[in-house]
Protein backbone atom coordinates (compact mmCIF):
# COMPACT_ATOMS: atom_id res chain seq x y z
CA UNK A 1 -7.70 68.07 -44.92
CA UNK A 2 -10.22 65.41 -45.98
CA UNK A 3 -7.43 62.91 -46.55
CA UNK A 4 -5.97 63.69 -43.13
CA UNK A 5 -9.39 63.10 -41.58
CA UNK A 6 -9.56 59.74 -43.35
CA UNK A 7 -6.10 58.90 -42.00
CA UNK A 8 -7.19 59.90 -38.50
CA UNK A 9 -10.32 57.76 -38.75
CA UNK A 10 -8.40 54.65 -39.86
CA UNK A 11 -5.71 55.30 -37.26
CA UNK A 12 -8.42 55.43 -34.59
CA UNK A 13 -9.85 52.07 -35.65
CA UNK A 14 -6.48 50.39 -36.01
CA UNK A 15 -5.52 52.05 -32.77
CA UNK A 16 -8.50 50.45 -31.06
CA UNK A 17 -7.09 47.00 -31.81
CA UNK A 18 -3.52 48.07 -31.14
CA UNK A 19 -3.90 50.33 -28.11
CA UNK A 20 -6.83 48.59 -26.42
CA UNK A 21 -5.33 45.23 -27.32
CA UNK A 22 -1.93 46.11 -25.93
CA UNK A 23 -3.60 47.56 -22.86
CA UNK A 24 -5.45 44.29 -22.32
CA UNK A 25 -2.18 42.47 -22.89
CA UNK A 26 -0.78 44.51 -20.02
CA UNK A 27 -2.98 42.32 -17.87
CA UNK A 28 -0.50 39.56 -18.63
CA UNK A 29 2.41 41.56 -17.24
CA UNK A 30 1.16 41.59 -13.63
CA UNK A 31 -0.02 38.01 -14.13
CA UNK A 32 3.40 36.83 -15.30
CA UNK A 33 5.40 38.97 -12.88
CA UNK A 34 3.30 37.68 -9.99
CA UNK A 35 3.31 34.02 -11.01
CA UNK A 36 7.01 34.13 -12.01
CA UNK A 37 9.14 35.64 -9.26
CA UNK A 38 12.18 37.78 -10.07
CA UNK A 39 14.48 35.13 -8.61
CA UNK A 40 13.06 32.37 -10.83
CA UNK A 41 14.00 34.28 -13.98
CA UNK A 42 10.79 33.06 -15.62
CA UNK A 43 9.83 36.42 -17.03
CA UNK A 44 13.37 36.81 -18.32
CA UNK A 45 12.81 33.61 -20.34
CA UNK A 46 9.57 35.02 -21.75
CA UNK A 47 11.33 38.27 -22.66
CA UNK A 48 14.25 36.49 -24.33
CA UNK A 49 12.17 34.01 -26.34
CA UNK A 50 9.81 36.68 -27.65
CA UNK A 51 12.81 38.75 -28.70
CA UNK A 52 13.96 35.84 -30.89
CA UNK A 53 10.42 35.45 -32.24
CA UNK A 54 10.30 39.09 -33.31
CA UNK A 55 13.63 38.75 -35.11
CA UNK A 56 12.66 35.57 -36.98
CA UNK A 57 9.29 37.06 -37.97
CA UNK A 58 11.06 39.81 -39.90
CA UNK A 59 13.16 37.20 -41.71
CA UNK A 60 10.13 35.16 -42.72
CA UNK A 61 8.15 38.12 -44.08
CA UNK A 62 11.28 39.55 -45.84
CA UNK A 63 9.74 42.95 -46.54
CA UNK A 64 6.83 41.53 -48.57
CA UNK A 65 4.16 43.27 -46.51
CA UNK A 66 5.32 46.67 -47.74
CA UNK A 67 6.10 45.15 -51.14
CA UNK A 68 2.48 44.05 -51.43
CA UNK A 69 1.23 47.60 -50.81
CA UNK A 70 3.66 49.06 -53.30
CA UNK A 71 2.82 46.69 -56.16
CA UNK A 72 -0.92 46.41 -55.45
CA UNK A 73 -1.11 50.21 -55.87
CA UNK A 74 1.04 50.33 -59.01
CA UNK A 75 -0.64 51.17 -62.30
CA UNK A 76 -0.83 48.19 -64.59
CA UNK A 77 -0.57 45.58 -61.82
CA UNK A 78 -3.38 43.18 -60.96
CA UNK A 79 -3.84 43.53 -57.17
CA UNK A 80 -5.16 39.98 -56.79
CA UNK A 81 -2.24 38.56 -58.74
CA UNK A 82 0.09 40.51 -56.46
CA UNK A 83 -1.78 39.19 -53.41
CA UNK A 84 -1.68 35.57 -54.59
CA UNK A 85 2.02 35.70 -55.48
CA UNK A 86 2.85 37.26 -52.12
CA UNK A 87 0.80 34.68 -50.23
CA UNK A 88 2.47 31.76 -51.98
CA UNK A 89 5.95 33.24 -51.52
CA UNK A 90 5.66 34.03 -47.83
CA UNK A 91 3.71 30.84 -47.13
CA UNK A 92 6.33 28.65 -48.80
CA UNK A 93 9.19 30.25 -46.88
CA UNK A 94 7.30 29.95 -43.58
CA UNK A 95 6.49 26.29 -44.15
CA UNK A 96 10.11 25.49 -45.05
CA UNK A 97 11.30 27.27 -41.90
CA UNK A 98 8.93 25.31 -39.69
CA UNK A 99 9.90 21.94 -41.20
CA UNK A 100 13.64 22.63 -40.92
CA UNK A 101 13.28 24.08 -37.42
CA UNK A 102 11.43 21.07 -36.05
CA UNK A 103 13.96 18.67 -37.60
CA UNK A 104 16.83 20.54 -35.91
CA UNK A 105 14.92 21.45 -32.74
CA UNK A 106 17.40 19.95 -30.27
CA UNK A 107 20.56 21.71 -31.54
CA UNK A 108 18.73 25.01 -32.00
CA UNK A 109 17.31 24.91 -28.46
CA UNK A 110 20.79 24.17 -27.12
CA UNK A 111 22.36 27.15 -28.90
CA UNK A 112 19.64 29.45 -27.56
CA UNK A 113 20.19 28.19 -24.00
CA UNK A 114 17.02 26.08 -23.72
CA UNK A 115 18.39 22.56 -24.10
CA UNK A 116 16.32 21.49 -21.08
CA UNK A 117 13.12 22.88 -22.62
CA UNK A 118 13.19 22.47 -26.43
CA UNK A 119 9.38 22.51 -26.38
CA UNK A 120 9.51 26.26 -25.73
CA UNK A 121 11.33 26.78 -29.01
CA UNK A 122 9.21 24.27 -30.92
CA UNK A 123 5.94 25.92 -29.97
CA UNK A 124 7.19 29.38 -30.85
CA UNK A 125 8.46 28.14 -34.21
CA UNK A 126 4.88 27.21 -35.03
CA UNK A 127 3.67 30.60 -33.82
CA UNK A 128 6.18 32.64 -35.82
CA UNK A 129 5.58 30.62 -39.01
CA UNK A 130 1.83 31.25 -38.81
CA UNK A 131 2.33 34.91 -37.85
CA UNK A 132 4.52 35.47 -40.91
CA UNK A 133 1.92 33.95 -43.23
CA UNK A 134 -0.93 35.85 -41.54
CA UNK A 135 0.81 39.18 -42.09
CA UNK A 136 -0.19 39.06 -45.78
CA UNK A 137 -3.96 38.50 -45.27
CA UNK A 138 -3.86 41.23 -42.63
CA UNK A 139 -2.08 43.51 -45.12
CA UNK A 140 -4.80 42.64 -47.65
CA UNK A 141 -7.46 43.76 -45.17
CA UNK A 142 -5.66 47.06 -44.79
CA UNK A 143 -5.38 47.41 -48.57
CA UNK A 144 -9.12 46.77 -48.91
CA UNK A 145 -9.71 49.35 -46.15
CA UNK A 146 -11.42 46.92 -43.82
CA UNK A 147 -10.09 48.13 -40.46
CA UNK A 148 -13.06 46.75 -38.51
CA UNK A 149 -12.39 43.13 -39.53
CA UNK A 150 -8.68 43.70 -39.01
CA UNK A 151 -9.33 45.00 -35.50
CA UNK A 152 -11.82 42.23 -34.70
CA UNK A 153 -9.34 39.46 -35.56
CA UNK A 154 -6.55 41.12 -33.62
CA UNK A 155 -8.83 41.50 -30.61
CA UNK A 156 -9.92 37.87 -30.87
CA UNK A 157 -6.34 36.75 -30.43
CA UNK A 158 -5.78 39.08 -27.51
CA UNK A 159 -8.97 38.27 -25.60
CA UNK A 160 -8.53 34.52 -26.06
CA UNK A 161 -4.88 34.68 -25.03
CA UNK A 162 -5.64 36.70 -21.92
CA UNK A 163 -8.48 34.38 -20.96
CA UNK A 164 -6.33 31.25 -21.17
CA UNK A 165 -3.50 32.88 -19.22
CA UNK A 166 -5.84 34.13 -16.49
CA UNK A 167 -7.41 30.70 -16.10
CA UNK A 168 -4.04 29.01 -15.69
CA UNK A 169 -1.85 31.56 -13.88
CA UNK A 170 -4.53 33.16 -11.70
CA UNK A 171 -7.35 30.65 -11.42
CA UNK A 172 -5.20 27.53 -11.24
CA UNK A 173 -2.19 29.28 -9.59
CA UNK A 174 0.15 27.80 -12.20
CA UNK A 175 3.71 28.96 -12.78
CA UNK A 176 4.98 26.94 -15.76
CA UNK A 177 6.63 29.31 -18.25
CA UNK A 178 5.88 26.94 -21.12
CA UNK A 179 2.14 27.50 -20.82
CA UNK A 180 2.59 31.10 -21.94
CA UNK A 181 3.99 29.80 -25.23
CA UNK A 182 1.36 27.08 -25.54
CA UNK A 183 -1.49 29.56 -25.20
CA UNK A 184 0.08 31.74 -27.89
CA UNK A 185 0.19 28.74 -30.23
CA UNK A 186 -3.48 27.95 -29.59
CA UNK A 187 -4.59 31.53 -30.19
CA UNK A 188 -2.51 31.99 -33.34
CA UNK A 189 -4.00 28.78 -34.76
CA UNK A 190 -7.51 30.09 -34.01
CA UNK A 191 -6.85 33.32 -35.92
CA UNK A 192 -5.48 31.27 -38.82
CA UNK A 193 -8.83 29.50 -39.08
CA UNK A 194 -10.67 32.82 -38.99
CA UNK A 195 -8.60 34.14 -41.91
CA UNK A 196 -9.86 31.40 -44.27
CA UNK A 197 -12.28 33.83 -46.03
CA UNK A 198 -9.27 35.98 -47.00
CA UNK A 199 -7.60 32.89 -48.48
CA UNK A 200 -10.52 31.89 -50.72
CA UNK A 201 -12.47 33.32 -53.64
CA UNK A 202 -9.60 33.91 -56.06
CA UNK A 203 -7.30 31.89 -58.30
CA UNK A 204 -3.91 31.10 -56.79
CA UNK A 205 -1.02 31.95 -59.08
CA UNK A 206 2.68 32.43 -58.50
CA UNK A 207 4.08 34.95 -60.96
CA UNK A 208 7.84 34.40 -60.96
CA UNK A 209 8.58 37.59 -62.87
CA UNK A 210 6.42 39.59 -60.48
CA UNK A 211 8.08 37.96 -57.49
CA UNK A 212 11.53 38.89 -58.82
CA UNK A 213 10.46 42.51 -59.14
CA UNK A 214 8.91 42.45 -55.69
CA UNK A 215 12.05 40.91 -54.21
CA UNK A 216 14.18 43.58 -55.86
CA UNK A 217 12.03 46.14 -54.08
CA UNK A 218 11.54 44.28 -50.80
CA UNK A 219 14.89 42.66 -50.01
CA UNK A 220 16.46 45.99 -49.02
CA UNK A 221 13.44 46.31 -46.73
CA UNK A 222 14.43 42.96 -45.20
CA UNK A 223 17.77 44.45 -44.22
CA UNK A 224 15.90 47.51 -43.02
CA UNK A 225 13.46 45.35 -41.07
CA UNK A 226 16.23 43.24 -39.54
CA UNK A 227 18.10 46.31 -38.43
CA UNK A 228 14.87 47.85 -37.14
CA UNK A 229 13.84 44.81 -35.12
CA UNK A 230 17.37 44.38 -33.81
CA UNK A 231 17.08 47.93 -32.52
CA UNK A 232 14.08 46.69 -30.53
CA UNK A 233 15.21 43.26 -29.38
CA UNK A 234 19.01 43.04 -29.69
CA UNK A 235 19.46 44.10 -26.07
CA UNK A 236 17.19 41.27 -24.88
CA UNK A 237 19.04 38.76 -27.06
CA UNK A 238 22.54 39.95 -26.15
CA UNK A 239 21.91 40.44 -22.43
CA UNK A 240 22.15 36.79 -21.27
CA UNK A 241 25.42 36.35 -23.17
CA UNK A 242 27.29 39.39 -21.83
CA UNK A 243 25.83 40.11 -18.38
CA UNK A 244 28.50 38.93 -15.91
CA UNK A 245 26.32 37.86 -12.95
CA UNK A 246 24.50 34.57 -12.42
CA UNK A 247 21.14 36.37 -12.29
CA UNK A 248 21.04 37.40 -15.96
CA UNK A 249 17.50 36.06 -16.47
CA UNK A 250 16.28 37.87 -13.35
CA UNK A 251 17.81 41.20 -14.45
CA UNK A 252 16.49 40.76 -17.97
CA UNK A 253 13.05 40.08 -16.50
CA UNK A 254 13.17 43.36 -14.56
CA UNK A 255 14.14 45.28 -17.69
CA UNK A 256 11.55 43.50 -19.82
CA UNK A 257 8.75 44.14 -17.34
CA UNK A 258 9.58 47.85 -16.88
CA UNK A 259 9.90 48.33 -20.64
CA UNK A 260 6.32 47.13 -21.05
CA UNK A 261 5.11 50.41 -19.57
CA UNK A 262 7.10 52.31 -22.18
CA UNK A 263 5.44 50.27 -24.94
CA UNK A 264 2.45 52.62 -24.81
CA UNK A 265 4.48 54.70 -27.25
CA UNK A 266 4.99 51.67 -29.47
CA UNK A 267 1.21 51.16 -29.55
CA UNK A 268 0.64 54.65 -30.91
CA UNK A 269 3.37 54.20 -33.51
CA UNK A 270 1.98 50.84 -34.60
CA UNK A 271 -1.57 52.15 -34.88
CA UNK A 272 -0.34 55.09 -36.95
CA UNK A 273 1.73 52.76 -39.15
CA UNK A 274 -1.20 50.48 -39.97
CA UNK A 275 -3.16 53.41 -41.37
CA UNK A 276 -0.24 55.50 -42.71
CA UNK A 277 1.42 52.91 -44.95
CA UNK A 278 -1.50 52.31 -47.36
CA UNK A 279 -2.40 56.01 -47.05
CA UNK A 280 1.04 57.16 -48.24
CA UNK A 281 1.23 54.87 -51.24
CA UNK A 282 -2.30 55.81 -52.26
CA UNK A 283 -1.60 59.52 -51.74
CA UNK A 284 1.69 59.46 -53.72
CA UNK A 285 -0.12 60.15 -57.01
CA UNK A 286 -1.59 63.47 -55.79
CA UNK A 287 0.00 66.87 -56.18
CA UNK A 288 -0.17 68.03 -52.54
CA UNK A 289 1.23 64.84 -51.05
CA UNK A 290 4.39 66.38 -49.54
CA UNK A 291 2.48 69.00 -47.57
CA UNK A 292 0.21 66.23 -46.28
CA UNK A 293 3.22 64.16 -45.15
CA UNK A 294 4.62 67.21 -43.36
CA UNK A 295 1.34 67.81 -41.54
CA UNK A 296 1.06 64.14 -40.58
CA UNK A 297 4.58 64.22 -39.13
CA UNK A 298 3.78 67.25 -36.97
CA UNK A 299 0.59 65.72 -35.59
CA UNK A 300 2.35 62.44 -34.93
CA UNK A 301 5.04 64.15 -32.87
CA UNK A 302 2.50 66.29 -31.02
CA UNK A 303 0.42 63.34 -29.87
CA UNK A 304 3.39 61.15 -28.99
CA UNK A 305 4.68 63.97 -26.80
CA UNK A 306 1.25 64.13 -25.16
CA UNK A 307 1.40 60.38 -24.55
CA UNK A 308 4.94 60.68 -23.16
CA UNK A 309 3.87 63.27 -20.61
CA UNK A 310 0.76 61.28 -19.67
CA UNK A 311 2.77 58.13 -18.96
CA UNK A 312 5.46 59.90 -16.97
CA UNK A 313 2.99 62.02 -14.99
CA UNK A 314 0.91 59.00 -13.95
CA UNK A 315 3.77 56.61 -13.30
CA UNK A 316 2.67 56.37 -9.66
CA UNK A 317 -0.39 54.51 -10.92
CA UNK A 318 0.99 52.77 -14.00
CA UNK A 319 3.73 51.04 -12.04
CA UNK A 320 1.14 48.66 -10.61
CA UNK A 321 0.98 47.06 -14.05
CA UNK A 322 4.08 45.10 -13.05
CA UNK A 323 4.84 43.21 -9.85
CA UNK A 324 6.46 45.10 -6.99
CA UNK A 325 9.62 43.06 -7.30
CA UNK A 326 10.19 44.61 -10.72
CA UNK A 327 9.74 48.28 -9.75
CA UNK A 328 13.45 48.97 -9.54
CA UNK A 329 13.49 48.89 -13.36
CA UNK A 330 11.08 51.84 -13.73
CA UNK A 331 14.01 54.22 -14.20
CA UNK A 332 14.36 52.96 -17.78
CA UNK A 333 10.84 54.03 -18.78
CA UNK A 334 11.51 57.70 -19.76
CA UNK A 335 14.58 56.66 -21.76
CA UNK A 336 12.84 53.81 -23.59
CA UNK A 337 9.80 55.99 -24.34
CA UNK A 338 12.02 58.72 -25.81
CA UNK A 339 13.70 56.06 -27.96
CA UNK A 340 10.26 54.93 -29.15
CA UNK A 341 9.46 58.51 -30.21
CA UNK A 342 12.68 58.54 -32.24
CA UNK A 343 11.66 55.26 -33.82
CA UNK A 344 8.22 56.63 -34.72
CA UNK A 345 9.72 59.75 -36.30
CA UNK A 346 12.17 57.56 -38.20
CA UNK A 347 9.28 55.47 -39.50
CA UNK A 348 7.51 58.61 -40.73
CA UNK A 349 10.68 59.82 -42.41
CA UNK A 350 11.24 56.46 -44.07
CA UNK A 351 8.64 56.97 -46.78
CA UNK A 352 10.78 59.24 -48.91
CA UNK A 353 13.01 56.36 -50.02
CA UNK A 354 10.09 53.94 -50.35
CA UNK A 355 8.25 56.34 -52.65
CA UNK A 356 11.23 56.83 -54.97
CA UNK A 357 12.05 53.08 -54.89
CA UNK A 358 15.46 53.57 -53.26
CA UNK A 359 14.86 51.37 -50.24
CA UNK A 360 18.58 50.69 -49.87
CA UNK A 361 18.80 53.98 -47.96
CA UNK A 362 16.61 52.54 -45.24
CA UNK A 363 19.00 49.63 -44.92
CA UNK A 364 21.96 51.99 -44.58
CA UNK A 365 20.31 54.08 -41.87
CA UNK A 366 18.94 51.17 -39.89
CA UNK A 367 22.20 49.21 -40.06
CA UNK A 368 24.10 52.24 -38.79
CA UNK A 369 21.67 52.72 -35.92
CA UNK A 370 21.76 49.01 -35.18
CA UNK A 371 25.55 49.00 -35.12
CA UNK A 372 25.49 51.81 -32.57
CA UNK A 373 22.95 49.97 -30.43
CA UNK A 374 24.67 46.57 -30.52
CA UNK A 375 28.11 48.06 -29.85
CA UNK A 376 26.90 50.04 -26.86
CA UNK A 377 25.07 47.01 -25.45
CA UNK A 378 28.11 44.77 -25.70
CA UNK A 379 30.42 47.38 -24.20
CA UNK A 380 28.17 48.74 -21.45
CA UNK A 381 25.92 45.90 -20.25
CA UNK A 382 28.76 44.23 -18.26
CA UNK A 383 29.19 47.47 -16.31
CA UNK A 384 25.78 49.14 -16.20
CA UNK A 385 23.36 46.24 -16.63
CA UNK A 386 19.97 46.91 -18.16
CA UNK A 387 20.41 50.70 -18.01
CA UNK A 388 22.87 50.26 -20.85
CA UNK A 389 20.08 48.63 -22.89
CA UNK A 390 17.86 51.69 -22.50
CA UNK A 391 20.53 54.24 -23.46
CA UNK A 392 21.80 52.11 -26.34
CA UNK A 393 18.31 52.04 -27.85
CA UNK A 394 18.02 55.81 -27.42
CA UNK A 395 21.31 56.35 -29.23
CA UNK A 396 20.62 53.84 -32.01
CA UNK A 397 17.19 55.22 -32.91
CA UNK A 398 18.46 58.79 -32.63
CA UNK A 399 21.27 58.18 -35.11
CA UNK A 400 18.99 56.44 -37.64
CA UNK A 401 16.39 59.23 -37.34
CA UNK A 402 18.89 62.03 -37.95
CA UNK A 403 20.54 60.27 -40.89
CA UNK A 404 17.16 59.68 -42.57
CA UNK A 405 16.13 63.29 -42.10
CA UNK A 406 19.28 64.93 -43.48
CA UNK A 407 19.68 62.59 -46.44
CA UNK A 408 15.95 62.67 -47.16
CA UNK A 409 15.91 66.45 -47.35
CA UNK A 410 18.43 66.21 -50.16
CA UNK A 411 16.82 63.34 -52.08
CA UNK A 412 13.10 64.02 -51.49
CA UNK A 413 12.71 67.34 -49.66
CA UNK A 414 9.61 67.83 -47.53
CA UNK A 415 8.84 71.11 -45.78
CA UNK A 416 8.40 69.93 -42.22
CA UNK A 417 7.29 72.66 -39.81
CA UNK A 418 10.42 72.48 -37.67
CA UNK A 419 9.64 75.65 -35.77
CA UNK A 420 6.28 74.34 -34.56
CA UNK A 421 7.72 70.90 -33.83
CA UNK A 422 10.61 72.44 -31.90
CA UNK A 423 8.20 74.56 -29.86
CA UNK A 424 6.18 71.51 -28.91
CA UNK A 425 9.31 69.58 -27.92
CA UNK A 426 10.59 72.46 -25.80
CA UNK A 427 7.24 72.92 -24.08
CA UNK A 428 6.99 69.20 -23.37
CA UNK A 429 10.49 69.21 -21.89
CA UNK A 430 9.67 72.16 -19.60
CA UNK A 431 6.44 70.52 -18.42
CA UNK A 432 8.26 67.21 -17.86
CA UNK A 433 10.81 68.89 -15.61
CA UNK A 434 8.07 70.78 -13.77
CA UNK A 435 6.05 67.62 -13.25
CA UNK A 436 8.75 65.09 -12.39
CA UNK A 437 11.44 67.19 -10.75
CA UNK A 438 9.37 69.47 -8.52
CA UNK A 439 8.98 67.58 -5.21
CA UNK A 440 5.36 67.11 -4.10
CA UNK A 441 5.15 64.69 -1.19
CA UNK A 442 1.44 63.90 -1.19
CA UNK A 443 0.45 61.43 -3.94
CA UNK A 444 -2.90 63.04 -4.76
CA UNK A 445 -1.51 66.57 -4.81
CA UNK A 446 1.31 65.34 -7.05
CA UNK A 447 -1.17 63.77 -9.44
CA UNK A 448 -3.31 66.94 -9.40
CA UNK A 449 -0.28 69.12 -10.18
CA UNK A 450 0.76 66.88 -13.04
CA UNK A 451 -2.80 66.77 -14.40
CA UNK A 452 -2.82 70.58 -14.54
CA UNK A 453 0.44 70.51 -16.48
CA UNK A 454 -0.90 67.89 -18.89
CA UNK A 455 -4.05 69.93 -19.48
CA UNK A 456 -1.87 72.96 -20.17
CA UNK A 457 -0.08 71.05 -22.93
CA UNK A 458 -3.41 69.87 -24.35
CA UNK A 459 -4.77 73.42 -24.26
CA UNK A 460 -1.74 74.62 -26.22
CA UNK A 461 -2.35 71.93 -28.86
CA UNK A 462 -6.01 72.96 -29.19
CA UNK A 463 -5.22 76.65 -29.39
CA UNK A 464 -2.41 76.34 -31.91
CA UNK A 465 -3.35 73.47 -34.22
CA UNK A 466 -6.68 71.89 -33.30
CA UNK A 467 -9.20 74.64 -32.54
CA UNK A 468 -12.49 73.38 -31.14
CA UNK A 469 -14.32 74.71 -34.19
CA UNK A 470 -12.64 71.94 -36.24
CA UNK A 471 -13.74 69.09 -33.97
CA UNK A 472 -16.49 66.83 -35.40
CA UNK A 473 -19.23 67.39 -32.77
CA UNK A 474 -18.08 70.56 -31.02
CA UNK A 475 -17.38 72.21 -34.37
CA UNK A 476 -21.01 71.91 -35.42
CA UNK A 477 -22.08 73.69 -32.25
CA UNK A 478 -19.65 76.51 -32.98
CA UNK A 479 -21.08 76.78 -36.49
CA UNK A 480 -24.63 76.98 -35.15
CA UNK A 481 -23.68 79.77 -32.77
CA UNK A 482 -22.06 81.74 -35.57
CA UNK A 483 -25.12 81.12 -37.73
């Protein structure tokens, strides 16, 4: 229980930077969707370019973030030697990418459909190269259990980025899409300067033998990461190429804006991941680790279901995050959020093959899920538009999740509490139907009804798994009364 409390504490701190940061970043969605009209397709450009950035970032880190955690926690390995070797490896690849990309900027921009604006691609090449390199110092902060500095640097980027965007798009009434990329470049460079303390104070070495062993472990994770990120961005990359109408950028902008609301689930998953990854590798040496993983999985699912209901029940308010012209895309939100839950469960399941050093299984599962997603997008986007993107993601994540569970139970069995998890899922489904399908005309009565349902779910969680006597402050009061 103590280790779970430590995990919860770190998740809360990482979550502060992830959840609060993403929430603040939501300020950019109404800013962009107001400054860039649907017809202009500007937000579609932003969505498409950032999809490419996410894909390239996985290539440039090539699984070394997880590789660093694995080898830094291995007996007999020098953590600082592992850190230095990882820094040099990822830094060298990132620098080579940036140099080659800038030399071939014109042809690359043309292939991506931005021949008229190669500066968009050039700026984001600089951003993604620095982001890839920064992932290792940030991983080092997590390894050293310094979540406060981690969160502070993440928040610095977010606050500075929001400030610059507000000044230009709101204060100056600008509408140039390129400024969104320029501000990202400025903010990423600022964070790079702030990470200098993490890049000093040790001797730089590049251990070739160590790097070979790390690559043997991490390259399957590259395939896993590529498949995983394609599950998230393939629809946004494919869409302009297969959508039959002339308004592909406009439709992609609608889908991208609406999906931002569903990213609340991605925030929770990311916050959990930041704390869970070093926790798992550190916990792997203990005897009760499997029961701890099972408990962590149950709590993860419980709180993501709570978040799902909260978002769907208060959609009447959350929709104002995006411009009114983009509201027609809100129908994708419940589907995309369900897909994000599948992705989070899949991430939790993924540790069985990382712990037994058989990461190839992750590549198999993710590639299968990715194949499902890409195939459905190509076949269905011409007919169903961005709704096909939402359902393809749901199917792709669902397939990968189920494959990982069934194979994992054979290779590294963990006693997940399926009965309790199933009960929570069923209850959440019943409350969702009661909240979203029962017609209540008045907005405030509708919100009141849904709040009652949400509180009912929370009450069930407290009664079954989180009694008030176990809460940090309230629990002490219970103990005093009993005393």
